[in-house]
């Protein structure tokens, strides 16, 4: 075989190897370990990386004395106790909020949970 043919075959072989190597996913074992750890710690993302909302059920997830997360402190969650028989009148600087069907009595000063009633 002449030199030109050998160099042509070598060039084509090298090009095929580089194309197949670049098409393969580039991840290190430590990155895969980190991804597995992250997915077990948070249920916020599905396998396609899309964000999913985690459903909150205060009657199961929250306890009296805990702080209400900031996203549930807005006026949109506030409930008028007089429209619901099972809700008592809130005390001074207290209010009822409704989160996913559950009613939560909170302190408007400290944002702590006083009482939870399952919906």
Protein backbone atom coordinates (compact mmCIF):
# COMPACT_ATOMS: atom_id res chain seq x y z
CA UNK A 1 0.00 0.00 0.00
CA UNK A 2 1.29 3.38 -0.78
CA UNK A 3 1.66 6.18 1.73
CA UNK A 4 -1.28 8.19 0.38
CA UNK A 5 -3.73 5.31 0.82
CA UNK A 6 -2.50 4.60 4.36
CA UNK A 7 -2.87 8.25 5.38
CA UNK A 8 -6.35 8.41 3.81
CA UNK A 9 -7.53 5.32 5.72
CA UNK A 10 -5.99 6.66 8.93
CA UNK A 11 -7.71 10.04 8.47
CA UNK A 12 -11.11 8.46 7.83
CA UNK A 13 -10.71 6.16 10.86
CA UNK A 14 -9.75 9.08 13.11
CA UNK A 15 -12.73 11.13 11.87
CA UNK A 16 -15.17 8.27 12.56
CA UNK A 17 -13.78 7.75 16.05
CA UNK A 18 -14.03 11.46 16.91
CA UNK A 19 -17.63 11.68 15.62
CA UNK A 20 -18.74 8.69 17.69
CA UNK A 21 -16.95 10.00 20.79
CA UNK A 22 -18.57 13.42 20.51
CA UNK A 23 -22.03 11.86 20.09
CA UNK A 24 -21.70 9.91 23.36
CA UNK A 25 -22.94 11.68 26.53
CA UNK A 26 -20.13 13.31 28.47
CA UNK A 27 -20.64 12.68 32.17
CA UNK A 28 -18.33 11.66 34.92
CA UNK A 29 -19.28 9.18 37.66
CA UNK A 30 -19.19 12.00 40.24
CA UNK A 31 -21.72 14.02 38.19
CA UNK A 32 -24.03 11.01 37.97
CA UNK A 33 -23.78 10.53 41.75
CA UNK A 34 -24.64 14.21 42.28
CA UNK A 35 -27.66 13.92 39.98
CA UNK A 36 -28.96 10.87 41.83
CA UNK A 37 -28.51 12.59 45.20
CA UNK A 38 -30.27 15.72 43.99
CA UNK A 39 -33.27 13.82 42.68
CA UNK A 40 -33.75 12.00 45.98
CA UNK A 41 -33.55 15.23 47.96
CA UNK A 42 -36.07 17.20 45.88
CA UNK A 43 -39.26 16.22 44.17
CA UNK A 44 -39.35 19.50 42.27
CA UNK A 45 -38.09 18.16 38.92
CA UNK A 46 -39.16 15.17 36.89
CA UNK A 47 -36.85 12.96 34.81
CA UNK A 48 -37.01 15.43 31.90
CA UNK A 49 -35.86 18.37 34.04
CA UNK A 50 -39.31 19.98 34.05
CA UNK A 51 -40.40 21.70 37.25
CA UNK A 52 -43.35 20.17 39.05
CA UNK A 53 -45.25 21.69 41.92
CA UNK A 54 -45.22 19.60 45.03
CA UNK A 55 -48.66 19.40 46.57
CA UNK A 56 -48.80 20.75 50.14
CA UNK A 57 -51.26 19.31 52.63
CA UNK A 58 -50.97 21.23 55.89
CA UNK A 59 -52.91 18.61 57.82
CA UNK A 60 -50.16 16.09 56.97
CA UNK A 61 -47.07 18.22 56.29
CA UNK A 62 -47.29 21.07 58.82
CA UNK A 63 -47.48 21.17 62.62
CA UNK A 64 -48.48 23.79 65.17
CA UNK A 65 -45.52 26.00 66.05
CA UNK A 66 -43.96 25.87 62.58
CA UNK A 67 -43.72 28.96 60.38
CA UNK A 68 -46.05 29.23 57.40
CA UNK A 69 -43.97 29.39 54.18
CA UNK A 70 -43.88 32.90 52.69
CA UNK A 71 -45.78 31.91 49.54
CA UNK A 72 -48.91 31.19 51.66
CA UNK A 73 -48.95 34.50 53.54
CA UNK A 74 -50.65 36.55 50.83
CA UNK A 75 -54.21 37.87 50.86
CA UNK A 76 -55.25 35.22 48.33
CA UNK A 77 -55.07 32.54 51.02
CA UNK A 78 -56.89 34.50 53.73
CA UNK A 79 -60.31 33.08 54.74
CA UNK A 80 -63.29 34.78 56.37
CA UNK A 81 -64.05 32.56 59.37
CA UNK A 82 -67.72 33.59 59.46
CA UNK A 83 -68.38 31.74 56.16
CA UNK A 84 -67.30 28.38 57.62
CA UNK A 85 -68.96 26.75 60.64
CA UNK A 86 -65.94 24.75 61.71
CA UNK A 87 -63.67 27.81 61.99
CA UNK A 88 -63.57 29.69 65.26
CA UNK A 89 -63.18 33.46 65.42
CA UNK A 90 -59.46 34.24 65.22
CA UNK A 91 -57.90 36.03 68.15
CA UNK A 92 -56.14 39.39 68.04
CA UNK A 93 -53.41 39.35 65.34
CA UNK A 94 -54.49 35.93 64.08
CA UNK A 95 -56.05 34.86 60.77
CA UNK A 96 -57.28 31.77 59.00
CA UNK A 97 -55.75 30.75 55.67
CA UNK A 98 -56.80 27.96 53.32
CA UNK A 99 -54.15 25.82 51.63
CA UNK A 100 -55.20 22.88 49.41
CA UNK A 101 -58.48 22.41 51.28
CA UNK A 102 -56.99 22.61 54.79
CA UNK A 103 -57.58 25.54 57.15
CA UNK A 104 -54.66 26.94 59.10
CA UNK A 105 -54.91 29.46 61.94
CA UNK A 106 -51.79 31.62 61.93
CA UNK A 107 -50.26 34.50 63.84
CA UNK A 108 -50.07 37.61 61.66
CA UNK A 109 -47.03 38.80 63.63
CA UNK A 110 -44.79 35.74 63.69
CA UNK A 111 -46.42 33.71 60.86
CA UNK A 112 -46.44 30.63 63.09
CA UNK A 113 -49.14 27.97 62.88
CA UNK A 114 -51.52 27.92 65.82
CA UNK A 115 -54.03 25.29 64.67
CA UNK A 116 -54.76 23.15 61.60
CA UNK A 117 -58.14 21.79 60.53
CA UNK A 118 -58.24 19.22 57.72
CA UNK A 119 -60.62 20.19 54.93
